[in-house]
Amino acid sequence: MSDSTNYASQANGDPQSSQLSELLCVSSTTLRQALDLVDNVLTKDDQLTVQSKYLPGSTIGKHLRHARDHFMLLIDCILGTQPYVLSYDVRNRNTPMESSLSEAHNALVFAISHLKELESSPSISLDQIMTLNAVTPFSHTFETTFGRELWFAALHAVHHWSMVRVIAGEMDMSLPDDFGFAPSTLMYKGSDGFTRKGQNLVE
C-alpha cells in the first residue's frame, strides 16, 4: 500500500484528518525526493560535499541536512509535552548525513518513518497551537499551529531542493523534472509528477 493510500484510508471522511493526511503525504513525498536522490542519483560520498560555485558555502549534503532537520525539530516538538515550544535555530551542523550517502539514507528514512507515526497519533491536530521562537536576527516569539509549520517544513524543503538542483547541475547531473519545484508550480504547469509520486511511494 502506498503512503498516500494509507493516509487516505485513515482519514475516514473527517475533514481535519483528511487535511492532516494530505499534508503528511506532501511532506513524505518531498523527503522521498531527497531519498531518491541519495539512493539513485548520487553515487559517491564526496558528491555530497562539493562546494557550489554559484551558491558560496553550499553543498548538497548541507541542504539535505538543513531541510530534514526542520521536519525533525517539528516532529520532536509535537510528540513532546505541552506547551509546544518550537525553535528551528537549534539545529546540529556538520552531521554525518552531510558527507555520507548511507548516513543520509538512514537519516531521511528515519524522518519519513516518524511522519508516518504522526498519522496514527490521536492527539495530533493541525490546529494544535504552538509557540515559535525565531531569530531574524532579532529574537521574536510567534503563535502558530502544527498545520502551518508542517506546511512550512515541506515548502521550505522544496526551496532547498531547488538549490540542490543548481549544485547537481554544476556536476552535470540530471535530476527528475519535478525535483525542486513546489507542488503548486507543477500543477500550474500541468504536471502530475509530484502527485503521481505521492500515489506510488514504496513502503
N, C-alpha and C. Protein backbone atom coordinates (compact mmCIF):
# COMPACT_ATOMS: atom_id res chain seq x y z
N MET A 1 0.85 -1.20 0.00
CA MET A 1 0.00 0.00 0.00
C MET A 1 0.88 1.24 0.00
N SER A 2 0.57 2.22 -0.85
CA SER A 2 1.36 3.45 -0.92
C SER A 2 1.08 4.32 0.28
N ASP A 3 1.99 5.26 0.55
CA ASP A 3 1.78 6.20 1.65
C ASP A 3 0.50 6.97 1.46
N SER A 4 0.25 7.47 0.23
CA SER A 4 -0.93 8.30 0.01
C SER A 4 -2.20 7.51 0.24
N THR A 5 -2.23 6.23 -0.20
CA THR A 5 -3.40 5.38 0.02
C THR A 5 -3.58 5.11 1.49
N ASN A 6 -2.46 4.86 2.18
CA ASN A 6 -2.52 4.60 3.61
C ASN A 6 -3.04 5.80 4.36
N TYR A 7 -2.55 7.00 4.03
CA TYR A 7 -3.02 8.21 4.69
C TYR A 7 -4.50 8.41 4.44
N ALA A 8 -4.93 8.25 3.19
CA ALA A 8 -6.33 8.50 2.84
C ALA A 8 -7.26 7.52 3.54
N SER A 9 -6.83 6.27 3.67
CA SER A 9 -7.69 5.27 4.28
C SER A 9 -7.89 5.53 5.76
N GLN A 10 -6.95 6.25 6.37
CA GLN A 10 -7.06 6.52 7.80
C GLN A 10 -7.85 7.80 8.09
N ALA A 11 -8.14 8.58 7.06
CA ALA A 11 -8.85 9.84 7.27
C ALA A 11 -10.30 9.62 7.62
N ASN A 12 -10.93 8.56 7.06
CA ASN A 12 -12.30 8.18 7.40
C ASN A 12 -13.30 9.31 7.23
N GLY A 13 -13.11 10.14 6.23
CA GLY A 13 -14.09 11.16 5.93
C GLY A 13 -14.04 12.38 6.81
N ASP A 14 -13.20 12.42 7.82
CA ASP A 14 -13.07 13.56 8.70
C ASP A 14 -12.24 14.64 8.00
N PRO A 15 -12.80 15.84 7.76
CA PRO A 15 -12.05 16.89 7.04
C PRO A 15 -10.71 17.21 7.69
N GLN A 16 -10.67 17.27 9.02
CA GLN A 16 -9.43 17.56 9.72
C GLN A 16 -8.40 16.45 9.48
N SER A 17 -8.84 15.19 9.58
CA SER A 17 -7.96 14.07 9.35
C SER A 17 -7.51 14.03 7.90
N SER A 18 -8.42 14.37 7.00
CA SER A 18 -8.07 14.38 5.57
C SER A 18 -7.00 15.41 5.28
N GLN A 19 -7.13 16.60 5.84
CA GLN A 19 -6.14 17.65 5.62
C GLN A 19 -4.79 17.26 6.22
N LEU A 20 -4.82 16.65 7.40
CA LEU A 20 -3.58 16.18 8.01
C LEU A 20 -2.94 15.12 7.13
N SER A 21 -3.74 14.20 6.62
CA SER A 21 -3.23 13.15 5.75
C SER A 21 -2.59 13.73 4.50
N GLU A 22 -3.23 14.74 3.93
CA GLU A 22 -2.70 15.36 2.71
C GLU A 22 -1.37 16.05 2.98
N LEU A 23 -1.29 16.78 4.09
CA LEU A 23 -0.03 17.46 4.41
C LEU A 23 1.08 16.47 4.73
N LEU A 24 0.75 15.39 5.41
CA LEU A 24 1.75 14.37 5.71
C LEU A 24 2.21 13.68 4.43
N CYS A 25 1.29 13.48 3.50
CA CYS A 25 1.65 12.87 2.22
C CYS A 25 2.60 13.77 1.43
N VAL A 26 2.30 15.07 1.38
CA VAL A 26 3.17 16.01 0.69
C VAL A 26 4.55 16.05 1.34
N SER A 27 4.57 16.06 2.67
CA SER A 27 5.84 16.10 3.39
C SER A 27 6.66 14.84 3.14
N SER A 28 6.00 13.70 3.21
CA SER A 28 6.69 12.44 2.97
C SER A 28 7.21 12.35 1.55
N THR A 29 6.40 12.78 0.58
CA THR A 29 6.82 12.75 -0.82
C THR A 29 8.02 13.66 -1.04
N THR A 30 8.01 14.81 -0.40
CA THR A 30 9.13 15.75 -0.53
C THR A 30 10.43 15.13 0.01
N LEU A 31 10.36 14.48 1.16
CA LEU A 31 11.54 13.84 1.71
C LEU A 31 11.97 12.65 0.87
N ARG A 32 11.02 11.96 0.27
CA ARG A 32 11.36 10.82 -0.57
C ARG A 32 12.03 11.26 -1.87
N GLN A 33 11.79 12.49 -2.30
CA GLN A 33 12.55 13.00 -3.44
C GLN A 33 14.03 13.05 -3.08
N ALA A 34 14.33 13.50 -1.87
CA ALA A 34 15.72 13.53 -1.41
C ALA A 34 16.27 12.12 -1.26
N LEU A 35 15.45 11.22 -0.76
CA LEU A 35 15.88 9.83 -0.60
C LEU A 35 16.20 9.21 -1.97
N ASP A 36 15.37 9.49 -2.95
CA ASP A 36 15.62 9.00 -4.30
C ASP A 36 16.93 9.56 -4.85
N LEU A 37 17.19 10.83 -4.56
CA LEU A 37 18.45 11.46 -4.98
C LEU A 37 19.63 10.71 -4.38
N VAL A 38 19.56 10.43 -3.09
CA VAL A 38 20.66 9.77 -2.38
C VAL A 38 20.83 8.33 -2.86
N ASP A 39 19.72 7.65 -3.09
CA ASP A 39 19.79 6.23 -3.43
C ASP A 39 20.06 5.96 -4.91
N ASN A 40 19.57 6.84 -5.79
CA ASN A 40 19.56 6.51 -7.22
C ASN A 40 20.27 7.50 -8.13
N VAL A 41 20.67 8.65 -7.61
CA VAL A 41 21.34 9.64 -8.46
C VAL A 41 22.79 9.82 -8.04
N LEU A 42 22.99 10.14 -6.78
CA LEU A 42 24.36 10.29 -6.28
C LEU A 42 25.02 8.93 -6.16
N THR A 43 26.28 8.86 -6.50
CA THR A 43 26.99 7.58 -6.49
C THR A 43 28.21 7.56 -5.57
N LYS A 44 28.66 8.73 -5.14
CA LYS A 44 29.85 8.80 -4.30
C LYS A 44 29.61 9.77 -3.14
N ASP A 45 30.19 9.44 -2.00
CA ASP A 45 30.03 10.29 -0.82
C ASP A 45 30.49 11.72 -1.08
N ASP A 46 31.58 11.88 -1.84
CA ASP A 46 32.13 13.22 -2.00
C ASP A 46 31.24 14.14 -2.84
N GLN A 47 30.24 13.58 -3.51
CA GLN A 47 29.29 14.43 -4.22
C GLN A 47 28.44 15.25 -3.25
N LEU A 48 28.32 14.77 -2.04
CA LEU A 48 27.57 15.49 -1.01
C LEU A 48 28.30 16.74 -0.53
N THR A 49 29.61 16.77 -0.69
CA THR A 49 30.41 17.84 -0.10
C THR A 49 31.05 18.77 -1.12
N VAL A 50 30.71 18.61 -2.40
CA VAL A 50 31.23 19.52 -3.43
C VAL A 50 30.69 20.92 -3.18
N GLN A 51 31.58 21.89 -3.08
CA GLN A 51 31.19 23.27 -2.83
C GLN A 51 30.65 23.92 -4.12
N SER A 52 29.50 24.56 -4.01
CA SER A 52 28.90 25.21 -5.16
C SER A 52 29.69 26.45 -5.57
N LYS A 53 29.81 26.65 -6.89
CA LYS A 53 30.44 27.86 -7.41
C LYS A 53 29.47 29.04 -7.38
N TYR A 54 28.20 28.75 -7.48
CA TYR A 54 27.20 29.82 -7.59
C TYR A 54 26.50 30.12 -6.27
N LEU A 55 26.55 29.18 -5.34
CA LEU A 55 25.94 29.36 -4.02
C LEU A 55 27.04 29.14 -2.98
N PRO A 56 27.84 30.15 -2.70
CA PRO A 56 29.00 30.00 -1.83
C PRO A 56 28.66 29.35 -0.49
N GLY A 57 29.46 28.35 -0.15
CA GLY A 57 29.28 27.65 1.12
C GLY A 57 28.26 26.53 1.06
N SER A 58 27.57 26.40 -0.06
CA SER A 58 26.52 25.39 -0.18
C SER A 58 27.06 24.07 -0.70
N THR A 59 26.54 22.99 -0.14
CA THR A 59 26.77 21.64 -0.65
C THR A 59 25.44 20.91 -0.65
N ILE A 60 25.35 19.85 -1.43
CA ILE A 60 24.12 19.06 -1.43
C ILE A 60 23.86 18.50 -0.04
N GLY A 61 24.91 18.00 0.60
CA GLY A 61 24.74 17.43 1.93
C GLY A 61 24.20 18.41 2.94
N LYS A 62 24.69 19.65 2.89
CA LYS A 62 24.20 20.67 3.84
C LYS A 62 22.73 20.98 3.62
N HIS A 63 22.31 21.07 2.36
CA HIS A 63 20.90 21.37 2.08
C HIS A 63 19.99 20.22 2.51
N LEU A 64 20.41 18.99 2.28
CA LEU A 64 19.61 17.84 2.71
C LEU A 64 19.47 17.82 4.22
N ARG A 65 20.58 18.02 4.92
CA ARG A 65 20.54 18.02 6.38
C ARG A 65 19.68 19.15 6.93
N HIS A 66 19.86 20.34 6.39
CA HIS A 66 19.14 21.52 6.86
C HIS A 66 17.63 21.33 6.74
N ALA A 67 17.17 20.88 5.58
CA ALA A 67 15.73 20.72 5.37
C ALA A 67 15.16 19.58 6.22
N ARG A 68 15.89 18.49 6.30
CA ARG A 68 15.44 17.36 7.12
C ARG A 68 15.37 17.74 8.60
N ASP A 69 16.32 18.55 9.05
CA ASP A 69 16.32 18.99 10.45
C ASP A 69 15.03 19.72 10.82
N HIS A 70 14.51 20.54 9.91
CA HIS A 70 13.28 21.27 10.21
C HIS A 70 12.12 20.32 10.48
N PHE A 71 12.03 19.27 9.68
CA PHE A 71 10.98 18.28 9.93
C PHE A 71 11.17 17.62 11.29
N MET A 72 12.39 17.23 11.62
CA MET A 72 12.61 16.52 12.86
C MET A 72 12.39 17.41 14.08
N LEU A 73 12.77 18.67 14.00
CA LEU A 73 12.52 19.58 15.12
C LEU A 73 11.02 19.74 15.36
N LEU A 74 10.25 19.84 14.27
CA LEU A 74 8.80 19.95 14.39
C LEU A 74 8.20 18.66 14.95
N ILE A 75 8.63 17.53 14.42
CA ILE A 75 8.11 16.24 14.89
C ILE A 75 8.42 16.02 16.36
N ASP A 76 9.66 16.27 16.75
CA ASP A 76 10.04 16.09 18.15
C ASP A 76 9.23 17.00 19.06
N CYS A 77 8.95 18.21 18.58
CA CYS A 77 8.18 19.15 19.39
C CYS A 77 6.75 18.67 19.60
N ILE A 78 6.07 18.28 18.51
CA ILE A 78 4.65 17.92 18.61
C ILE A 78 4.47 16.59 19.33
N LEU A 79 5.50 15.74 19.33
CA LEU A 79 5.40 14.47 20.05
C LEU A 79 5.86 14.60 21.50
N GLY A 80 6.27 15.80 21.88
CA GLY A 80 6.70 16.05 23.25
C GLY A 80 5.54 16.42 24.14
N THR A 81 5.83 17.15 25.19
CA THR A 81 4.80 17.54 26.14
C THR A 81 4.43 19.01 25.96
N GLN A 82 3.20 19.33 26.32
CA GLN A 82 2.76 20.72 26.25
C GLN A 82 3.37 21.52 27.40
N PRO A 83 3.53 22.84 27.19
CA PRO A 83 3.24 23.60 25.97
C PRO A 83 4.26 23.31 24.87
N TYR A 84 3.80 23.35 23.62
CA TYR A 84 4.67 23.05 22.49
C TYR A 84 5.43 24.30 22.07
N VAL A 85 6.72 24.31 22.36
CA VAL A 85 7.58 25.45 22.04
C VAL A 85 8.61 24.99 21.02
N LEU A 86 8.59 25.62 19.85
CA LEU A 86 9.40 25.20 18.72
C LEU A 86 10.44 26.25 18.36
N SER A 87 11.63 25.79 18.04
CA SER A 87 12.67 26.68 17.51
C SER A 87 13.42 25.93 16.41
N TYR A 88 13.56 26.57 15.27
CA TYR A 88 14.32 25.96 14.17
C TYR A 88 15.80 26.35 14.23
N ASP A 89 16.18 27.08 15.26
CA ASP A 89 17.54 27.61 15.35
C ASP A 89 18.45 26.79 16.26
N VAL A 90 18.03 25.57 16.58
CA VAL A 90 18.82 24.73 17.48
C VAL A 90 19.35 23.50 16.72
N ARG A 91 19.57 23.64 15.43
CA ARG A 91 20.00 22.52 14.60
C ARG A 91 21.46 22.14 14.86
N ASN A 92 21.73 20.84 14.68
CA ASN A 92 23.12 20.36 14.73
C ASN A 92 23.70 20.43 13.32
N ARG A 93 24.87 21.02 13.20
CA ARG A 93 25.52 21.14 11.90
C ARG A 93 26.70 20.17 11.80
N ASN A 94 27.17 19.97 10.56
CA ASN A 94 28.29 19.06 10.31
C ASN A 94 27.99 17.64 10.81
N THR A 95 26.78 17.18 10.55
CA THR A 95 26.38 15.83 10.96
C THR A 95 26.80 14.82 9.88
N PRO A 96 26.86 13.53 10.21
CA PRO A 96 27.32 12.52 9.25
C PRO A 96 26.55 12.50 7.93
N MET A 97 25.26 12.84 7.95
CA MET A 97 24.49 12.77 6.70
C MET A 97 24.93 13.80 5.67
N GLU A 98 25.73 14.78 6.09
CA GLU A 98 26.22 15.79 5.14
C GLU A 98 27.35 15.26 4.27
N SER A 99 27.95 14.15 4.67
CA SER A 99 29.12 13.66 3.94
C SER A 99 29.08 12.17 3.62
N SER A 100 28.01 11.48 4.01
CA SER A 100 27.92 10.04 3.79
C SER A 100 26.56 9.69 3.19
N LEU A 101 26.57 9.01 2.05
CA LEU A 101 25.31 8.62 1.41
C LEU A 101 24.52 7.66 2.29
N SER A 102 25.20 6.74 2.93
CA SER A 102 24.50 5.78 3.79
C SER A 102 23.88 6.48 5.00
N GLU A 103 24.60 7.43 5.57
CA GLU A 103 24.06 8.18 6.71
C GLU A 103 22.90 9.07 6.27
N ALA A 104 23.00 9.65 5.08
CA ALA A 104 21.91 10.47 4.55
C ALA A 104 20.68 9.61 4.33
N HIS A 105 20.88 8.43 3.76
CA HIS A 105 19.76 7.50 3.57
C HIS A 105 19.08 7.20 4.90
N ASN A 106 19.86 6.83 5.89
CA ASN A 106 19.29 6.46 7.19
C ASN A 106 18.55 7.63 7.83
N ALA A 107 19.12 8.82 7.74
CA ALA A 107 18.50 9.99 8.37
C ALA A 107 17.18 10.34 7.70
N LEU A 108 17.12 10.24 6.38
CA LEU A 108 15.89 10.54 5.65
C LEU A 108 14.82 9.49 5.91
N VAL A 109 15.20 8.22 5.93
CA VAL A 109 14.24 7.15 6.23
C VAL A 109 13.69 7.33 7.64
N PHE A 110 14.55 7.71 8.57
CA PHE A 110 14.12 7.94 9.95
C PHE A 110 13.07 9.04 10.02
N ALA A 111 13.29 10.13 9.30
CA ALA A 111 12.33 11.24 9.30
C ALA A 111 11.01 10.82 8.67
N ILE A 112 11.08 10.10 7.55
CA ILE A 112 9.86 9.65 6.87
C ILE A 112 9.05 8.72 7.76
N SER A 113 9.72 7.82 8.46
CA SER A 113 9.02 6.89 9.34
C SER A 113 8.32 7.63 10.48
N HIS A 114 8.93 8.70 10.96
CA HIS A 114 8.30 9.47 12.03
C HIS A 114 7.11 10.27 11.53
N LEU A 115 7.14 10.70 10.29
CA LEU A 115 5.95 11.34 9.71
C LEU A 115 4.79 10.36 9.69
N LYS A 116 5.07 9.11 9.36
CA LYS A 116 4.01 8.09 9.36
C LYS A 116 3.41 7.91 10.74
N GLU A 117 4.27 7.97 11.75
CA GLU A 117 3.80 7.77 13.11
C GLU A 117 2.82 8.86 13.53
N LEU A 118 2.98 10.06 12.99
CA LEU A 118 2.08 11.16 13.35
C LEU A 118 0.64 10.85 12.95
N GLU A 119 0.48 10.12 11.84
CA GLU A 119 -0.86 9.81 11.34
C GLU A 119 -1.65 8.98 12.34
N SER A 120 -0.96 8.11 13.06
CA SER A 120 -1.65 7.20 13.98
C SER A 120 -1.75 7.75 15.39
N SER A 121 -1.25 8.97 15.60
CA SER A 121 -1.31 9.56 16.94
C SER A 121 -2.63 10.31 17.12
N PRO A 122 -3.49 9.87 18.03
CA PRO A 122 -4.81 10.50 18.19
C PRO A 122 -4.75 11.94 18.70
N SER A 123 -3.62 12.33 19.26
CA SER A 123 -3.53 13.67 19.84
C SER A 123 -3.06 14.71 18.84
N ILE A 124 -2.67 14.30 17.63
CA ILE A 124 -2.14 15.22 16.64
C ILE A 124 -3.27 15.93 15.92
N SER A 125 -3.22 17.26 15.89
CA SER A 125 -4.23 18.06 15.20
C SER A 125 -3.54 19.20 14.47
N LEU A 126 -4.02 19.50 13.26
CA LEU A 126 -3.45 20.61 12.51
C LEU A 126 -3.62 21.93 13.25
N ASP A 127 -4.67 22.03 14.05
CA ASP A 127 -4.97 23.27 14.75
C ASP A 127 -4.25 23.39 16.09
N GLN A 128 -3.43 22.42 16.43
CA GLN A 128 -2.72 22.46 17.70
C GLN A 128 -1.85 23.71 17.79
N ILE A 129 -2.08 24.51 18.81
CA ILE A 129 -1.34 25.75 18.99
C ILE A 129 0.09 25.45 19.42
N MET A 130 1.03 26.17 18.81
CA MET A 130 2.43 26.05 19.16
C MET A 130 3.02 27.45 19.31
N THR A 131 4.10 27.55 20.06
CA THR A 131 4.84 28.80 20.18
C THR A 131 6.14 28.65 19.39
N LEU A 132 6.38 29.58 18.49
CA LEU A 132 7.59 29.54 17.67
C LEU A 132 8.55 30.63 18.12
N ASN A 133 9.74 30.23 18.54
CA ASN A 133 10.81 31.18 18.87
C ASN A 133 11.72 31.29 17.66
N ALA A 134 11.93 32.50 17.18
CA ALA A 134 12.71 32.69 15.96
C ALA A 134 13.73 33.80 16.14
N VAL A 135 14.85 33.64 15.44
CA VAL A 135 15.89 34.66 15.42
C VAL A 135 15.98 35.19 14.00
N THR A 136 15.80 36.51 13.82
CA THR A 136 15.61 37.04 12.47
C THR A 136 16.60 38.07 11.90
N PRO A 137 17.66 38.55 12.53
CA PRO A 137 18.40 38.04 13.69
C PRO A 137 17.90 38.49 15.05
N PHE A 138 16.87 39.29 15.09
CA PHE A 138 16.31 39.68 16.38
C PHE A 138 15.42 38.56 16.91
N SER A 139 15.37 38.41 18.21
CA SER A 139 14.56 37.34 18.82
C SER A 139 13.09 37.72 18.79
N HIS A 140 12.27 36.84 18.26
CA HIS A 140 10.83 37.05 18.20
C HIS A 140 10.11 35.78 18.63
N THR A 141 8.92 35.95 19.16
CA THR A 141 8.07 34.82 19.54
C THR A 141 6.73 34.97 18.85
N PHE A 142 6.27 33.89 18.19
CA PHE A 142 5.03 33.92 17.45
C PHE A 142 4.12 32.78 17.90
N GLU A 143 2.82 33.00 17.79
CA GLU A 143 1.88 31.91 17.96
C GLU A 143 1.60 31.31 16.59
N THR A 144 1.67 29.99 16.50
CA THR A 144 1.46 29.32 15.23
C THR A 144 0.69 28.02 15.49
N THR A 145 0.54 27.20 14.47
CA THR A 145 -0.12 25.92 14.63
C THR A 145 0.75 24.82 14.02
N PHE A 146 0.48 23.60 14.42
CA PHE A 146 1.22 22.48 13.87
C PHE A 146 1.01 22.38 12.36
N GLY A 147 -0.23 22.59 11.90
CA GLY A 147 -0.52 22.52 10.47
C GLY A 147 0.27 23.53 9.67
N ARG A 148 0.35 24.74 10.18
CA ARG A 148 1.09 25.78 9.46
C ARG A 148 2.57 25.41 9.38
N GLU A 149 3.12 24.88 10.46
CA GLU A 149 4.54 24.55 10.48
C GLU A 149 4.86 23.32 9.64
N LEU A 150 3.93 22.37 9.55
CA LEU A 150 4.13 21.21 8.69
C LEU A 150 4.13 21.66 7.23
N TRP A 151 3.20 22.54 6.88
CA TRP A 151 3.17 23.12 5.53
C TRP A 151 4.48 23.85 5.24
N PHE A 152 4.95 24.64 6.22
CA PHE A 152 6.20 25.38 6.04
C PHE A 152 7.37 24.43 5.82
N ALA A 153 7.46 23.37 6.62
CA ALA A 153 8.59 22.44 6.52
C ALA A 153 8.67 21.83 5.12
N ALA A 154 7.52 21.48 4.55
CA ALA A 154 7.51 20.88 3.21
C ALA A 154 7.94 21.89 2.15
N LEU A 155 7.37 23.10 2.20
CA LEU A 155 7.73 24.11 1.19
C LEU A 155 9.16 24.60 1.38
N HIS A 156 9.61 24.65 2.63
CA HIS A 156 10.99 25.01 2.92
C HIS A 156 11.95 23.99 2.31
N ALA A 157 11.60 22.71 2.41
CA ALA A 157 12.44 21.67 1.82
C ALA A 157 12.49 21.80 0.30
N VAL A 158 11.34 22.07 -0.32
CA VAL A 158 11.31 22.24 -1.78
C VAL A 158 12.26 23.37 -2.19
N HIS A 159 12.26 24.46 -1.42
CA HIS A 159 13.16 25.58 -1.68
C HIS A 159 14.62 25.11 -1.68
N HIS A 160 14.97 24.28 -0.72
CA HIS A 160 16.35 23.79 -0.66
C HIS A 160 16.63 22.75 -1.74
N TRP A 161 15.62 21.99 -2.14
CA TRP A 161 15.83 21.05 -3.25
C TRP A 161 16.15 21.82 -4.54
N SER A 162 15.57 23.01 -4.69
CA SER A 162 15.88 23.80 -5.89
C SER A 162 17.35 24.21 -5.91
N MET A 163 17.91 24.46 -4.73
CA MET A 163 19.34 24.77 -4.67
C MET A 163 20.19 23.52 -4.87
N VAL A 164 19.69 22.38 -4.41
CA VAL A 164 20.36 21.12 -4.70
C VAL A 164 20.42 20.90 -6.21
N ARG A 165 19.34 21.25 -6.91
CA ARG A 165 19.30 21.11 -8.37
C ARG A 165 20.41 21.95 -9.02
N VAL A 166 20.62 23.17 -8.51
CA VAL A 166 21.68 24.03 -9.05
C VAL A 166 23.04 23.36 -8.88
N ILE A 167 23.31 22.85 -7.67
CA ILE A 167 24.61 22.23 -7.40
C ILE A 167 24.78 20.96 -8.23
N ALA A 168 23.71 20.19 -8.35
CA ALA A 168 23.78 18.97 -9.17
C ALA A 168 24.09 19.34 -10.62
N GLY A 169 23.51 20.43 -11.10
CA GLY A 169 23.78 20.88 -12.45
C GLY A 169 25.23 21.25 -12.65
N GLU A 170 25.84 21.82 -11.62
CA GLU A 170 27.26 22.15 -11.70
C GLU A 170 28.11 20.90 -11.87
N MET A 171 27.59 19.76 -11.40
CA MET A 171 28.31 18.49 -11.53
C MET A 171 27.81 17.68 -12.72
N ASP A 172 27.02 18.34 -13.59
CA ASP A 172 26.49 17.70 -14.80
C ASP A 172 25.62 16.50 -14.50
N MET A 173 24.87 16.58 -13.41
CA MET A 173 23.92 15.53 -13.06
C MET A 173 22.52 15.97 -13.42
N SER A 174 21.73 15.07 -13.97
CA SER A 174 20.35 15.35 -14.33
C SER A 174 19.43 14.84 -13.22
N LEU A 175 18.49 15.68 -12.79
CA LEU A 175 17.53 15.30 -11.77
C LEU A 175 16.14 15.22 -12.38
N PRO A 176 15.22 14.51 -11.73
CA PRO A 176 13.85 14.43 -12.24
C PRO A 176 13.26 15.82 -12.46
N ASP A 177 12.38 15.94 -13.44
CA ASP A 177 11.83 17.25 -13.81
C ASP A 177 11.10 17.93 -12.66
N ASP A 178 10.53 17.17 -11.73
CA ASP A 178 9.75 17.77 -10.65
C ASP A 178 10.57 18.05 -9.40
N PHE A 179 11.86 17.71 -9.41
CA PHE A 179 12.70 17.92 -8.24
C PHE A 179 12.99 19.41 -8.07
N GLY A 180 12.65 19.94 -6.88
CA GLY A 180 12.93 21.34 -6.59
C GLY A 180 11.86 22.31 -7.00
N PHE A 181 10.68 21.79 -7.37
CA PHE A 181 9.56 22.67 -7.72
C PHE A 181 8.42 22.44 -6.74
N ALA A 182 7.77 23.52 -6.33
CA ALA A 182 6.64 23.42 -5.42
C ALA A 182 5.49 22.70 -6.10
N PRO A 183 4.68 21.92 -5.34
CA PRO A 183 3.53 21.23 -5.93
C PRO A 183 2.60 22.18 -6.69
N SER A 184 2.41 23.40 -6.18
CA SER A 184 1.53 24.36 -6.85
C SER A 184 2.08 24.76 -8.22
N THR A 185 3.42 24.88 -8.30
CA THR A 185 4.06 25.21 -9.58
C THR A 185 3.87 24.08 -10.58
N LEU A 186 4.03 22.85 -10.12
CA LEU A 186 3.86 21.70 -11.00
C LEU A 186 2.42 21.60 -11.50
N MET A 187 1.47 21.90 -10.61
CA MET A 187 0.07 21.87 -11.02
C MET A 187 -0.22 22.97 -12.05
N TYR A 188 0.37 24.14 -11.85
CA TYR A 188 0.19 25.25 -12.78
C TYR A 188 0.73 24.89 -14.16
N LYS A 189 1.86 24.15 -14.17
CA LYS A 189 2.47 23.74 -15.43
C LYS A 189 1.77 22.53 -16.05
N GLY A 190 0.81 21.97 -15.32
CA GLY A 190 0.09 20.83 -15.86
C GLY A 190 0.79 19.51 -15.63
N SER A 191 1.77 19.48 -14.71
CA SER A 191 2.48 18.25 -14.41
C SER A 191 1.83 17.54 -13.25
N ASP A 192 1.72 16.20 -13.36
CA ASP A 192 1.18 15.42 -12.24
C ASP A 192 2.27 14.60 -11.58
N GLY A 193 3.53 14.98 -11.84
CA GLY A 193 4.65 14.19 -11.33
C GLY A 193 4.67 14.09 -9.82
N PHE A 194 4.45 15.21 -9.14
CA PHE A 194 4.51 15.20 -7.69
C PHE A 194 3.37 14.35 -7.13
N THR A 195 2.15 14.55 -7.68
CA THR A 195 1.01 13.78 -7.21
C THR A 195 1.20 12.31 -7.51
N ARG A 196 1.71 11.99 -8.68
CA ARG A 196 1.93 10.60 -9.06
C ARG A 196 2.92 9.92 -8.13
N LYS A 197 3.97 10.65 -7.77
CA LYS A 197 4.95 10.07 -6.84
C LYS A 197 4.29 9.81 -5.49
N GLY A 198 3.42 10.73 -5.07
CA GLY A 198 2.73 10.52 -3.81
C GLY A 198 1.83 9.32 -3.83
N GLN A 199 1.37 8.93 -5.03
CA GLN A 199 0.48 7.79 -5.16
C GLN A 199 1.23 6.49 -5.35
N ASN A 200 2.53 6.56 -5.56
CA ASN A 200 3.30 5.36 -5.86
C ASN A 200 4.52 5.22 -4.96
N LEU A 201 4.40 5.69 -3.73
CA LEU A 201 5.52 5.58 -2.81
C LEU A 201 5.71 4.13 -2.37
N VAL A 202 6.94 3.74 -2.27
CA VAL A 202 7.25 2.37 -1.88
C VAL A 202 7.28 2.28 -0.37
N GLU A 203 6.63 1.27 0.16
CA GLU A 203 6.63 1.06 1.61
C GLU A 203 8.05 0.76 2.08
